[in-house]
């Protein structure tokens, strides 16, 4: 069964925090692995430094900032 994001071209953004990545056992450099689950981008939540956000941006995944 195809993922909704691929079948209907929806874009899904996941809220992420450092704890989220830890629980998923994903390093920042590997964050594009979330695309395998139909996630097109991430919304940066509390806990990331400016450097972390720059590293996430460098992976090419779309980013939204949680204000």
C-alpha atoms as a PDB file:
ATOM      1  CA  UNK A   1       0.000   0.000   0.000  1.00  0.00           C
ATOM      2  CA  UNK A   2       1.574   3.322  -1.036  1.00  0.00           C
ATOM      3  CA  UNK A   3       2.124   6.043   1.528  1.00  0.00           C
ATOM      4  CA  UNK A   4      -0.385   8.919   1.327  1.00  0.00           C
ATOM      5  CA  UNK A   5       2.435  11.388   0.875  1.00  0.00           C
ATOM      6  CA  UNK A   6       3.555   9.625  -2.299  1.00  0.00           C
ATOM      7  CA  UNK A   7       0.153   8.642  -3.693  1.00  0.00           C
ATOM      8  CA  UNK A   8      -1.534  12.043  -3.227  1.00  0.00           C
ATOM      9  CA  UNK A   9       1.567  14.253  -3.100  1.00  0.00           C
ATOM     10  CA  UNK A  10       0.776  15.424   0.432  1.00  0.00           C
ATOM     11  CA  UNK A  11       3.532  16.952   2.486  1.00  0.00           C
ATOM     12  CA  UNK A  12       3.842  15.784   6.067  1.00  0.00           C
ATOM     13  CA  UNK A  13       6.037  17.602   8.567  1.00  0.00           C
ATOM     14  CA  UNK A  14       7.034  15.887  11.792  1.00  0.00           C
ATOM     15  CA  UNK A  15       7.753  17.766  15.005  1.00  0.00           C
ATOM     16  CA  UNK A  16      11.201  16.682  16.101  1.00  0.00           C
ATOM     17  CA  UNK A  17      13.358  17.281  19.122  1.00  0.00           C
ATOM     18  CA  UNK A  18      16.689  15.794  20.108  1.00  0.00           C
ATOM     19  CA  UNK A  19      14.721  13.240  22.161  1.00  0.00           C
ATOM     20  CA  UNK A  20      12.736  12.222  19.055  1.00  0.00           C
ATOM     21  CA  UNK A  21      15.919  11.495  17.140  1.00  0.00           C
ATOM     22  CA  UNK A  22      17.360   9.627  20.110  1.00  0.00           C
ATOM     23  CA  UNK A  23      14.265   7.409  20.388  1.00  0.00           C
ATOM     24  CA  UNK A  24      14.327   6.715  16.645  1.00  0.00           C
ATOM     25  CA  UNK A  25      18.076   6.086  16.805  1.00  0.00           C
ATOM     26  CA  UNK A  26      18.675   8.592  13.997  1.00  0.00           C
ATOM     27  CA  UNK A  27      21.600  10.997  13.915  1.00  0.00           C
ATOM     28  CA  UNK A  28      21.148  14.490  12.480  1.00  0.00           C
ATOM     29  CA  UNK A  29      23.189  13.538   9.413  1.00  0.00           C
ATOM     30  CA  UNK A  30      20.733  10.667   8.796  1.00  0.00           C
ATOM     31  CA  UNK A  31      17.542  12.714   9.215  1.00  0.00           C
ATOM     32  CA  UNK A  32      16.555  12.226   5.568  1.00  0.00           C
ATOM     33  CA  UNK A  33      15.719   8.626   6.557  1.00  0.00           C
ATOM     34  CA  UNK A  34      12.411  10.086   7.748  1.00  0.00           C
ATOM     35  CA  UNK A  35      11.415  10.374   4.081  1.00  0.00           C
ATOM     36  CA  UNK A  36      11.141   6.576   4.014  1.00  0.00           C
ATOM     37  CA  UNK A  37       8.130   7.018   6.306  1.00  0.00           C
ATOM     38  CA  UNK A  38       6.514   9.666   4.116  1.00  0.00           C
ATOM     39  CA  UNK A  39       7.835  12.631   6.098  1.00  0.00           C
ATOM     40  CA  UNK A  40       8.724  15.450   3.705  1.00  0.00           C
ATOM     41  CA  UNK A  41      10.046  17.858   6.291  1.00  0.00           C
ATOM     42  CA  UNK A  42      10.600  18.511   9.965  1.00  0.00           C
ATOM     43  CA  UNK A  43       9.411  21.182  12.347  1.00  0.00           C
ATOM     44  CA  UNK A  44      12.223  22.039  14.704  1.00  0.00           C
ATOM     45  CA  UNK A  45      11.170  21.851  18.336  1.00  0.00           C
ATOM     46  CA  UNK A  46      12.878  22.907  21.547  1.00  0.00           C
ATOM     47  CA  UNK A  47      16.319  21.543  22.286  1.00  0.00           C
ATOM     48  CA  UNK A  48      18.288  22.049  19.097  1.00  0.00           C
ATOM     49  CA  UNK A  49      21.158  24.496  18.924  1.00  0.00           C
ATOM     50  CA  UNK A  50      21.699  26.842  15.976  1.00  0.00           C
ATOM     51  CA  UNK A  51      24.505  24.527  14.856  1.00  0.00           C
ATOM     52  CA  UNK A  52      22.152  21.527  14.989  1.00  0.00           C
ATOM     53  CA  UNK A  53      19.599  23.388  12.856  1.00  0.00           C
ATOM     54  CA  UNK A  54      22.314  24.275  10.339  1.00  0.00           C
ATOM     55  CA  UNK A  55      23.304  20.594  10.167  1.00  0.00           C
ATOM     56  CA  UNK A  56      19.678  19.560   9.633  1.00  0.00           C
ATOM     57  CA  UNK A  57      19.309  22.156   6.863  1.00  0.00           C
ATOM     58  CA  UNK A  58      22.467  20.858   5.195  1.00  0.00           C
ATOM     59  CA  UNK A  59      20.841  17.415   4.774  1.00  0.00           C
ATOM     60  CA  UNK A  60      18.355  18.906   2.309  1.00  0.00           C
ATOM     61  CA  UNK A  61      15.197  18.033   4.234  1.00  0.00           C
ATOM     62  CA  UNK A  62      12.575  20.805   4.396  1.00  0.00           C
ATOM     63  CA  UNK A  63      12.487  22.679   7.712  1.00  0.00           C
ATOM     64  CA  UNK A  64       9.902  24.652   9.605  1.00  0.00           C
ATOM     65  CA  UNK A  65      10.741  26.482  12.819  1.00  0.00           C
ATOM     66  CA  UNK A  66       8.437  26.099  15.825  1.00  0.00           C
ATOM     67  CA  UNK A  67       8.034  29.612  17.191  1.00  0.00           C
END
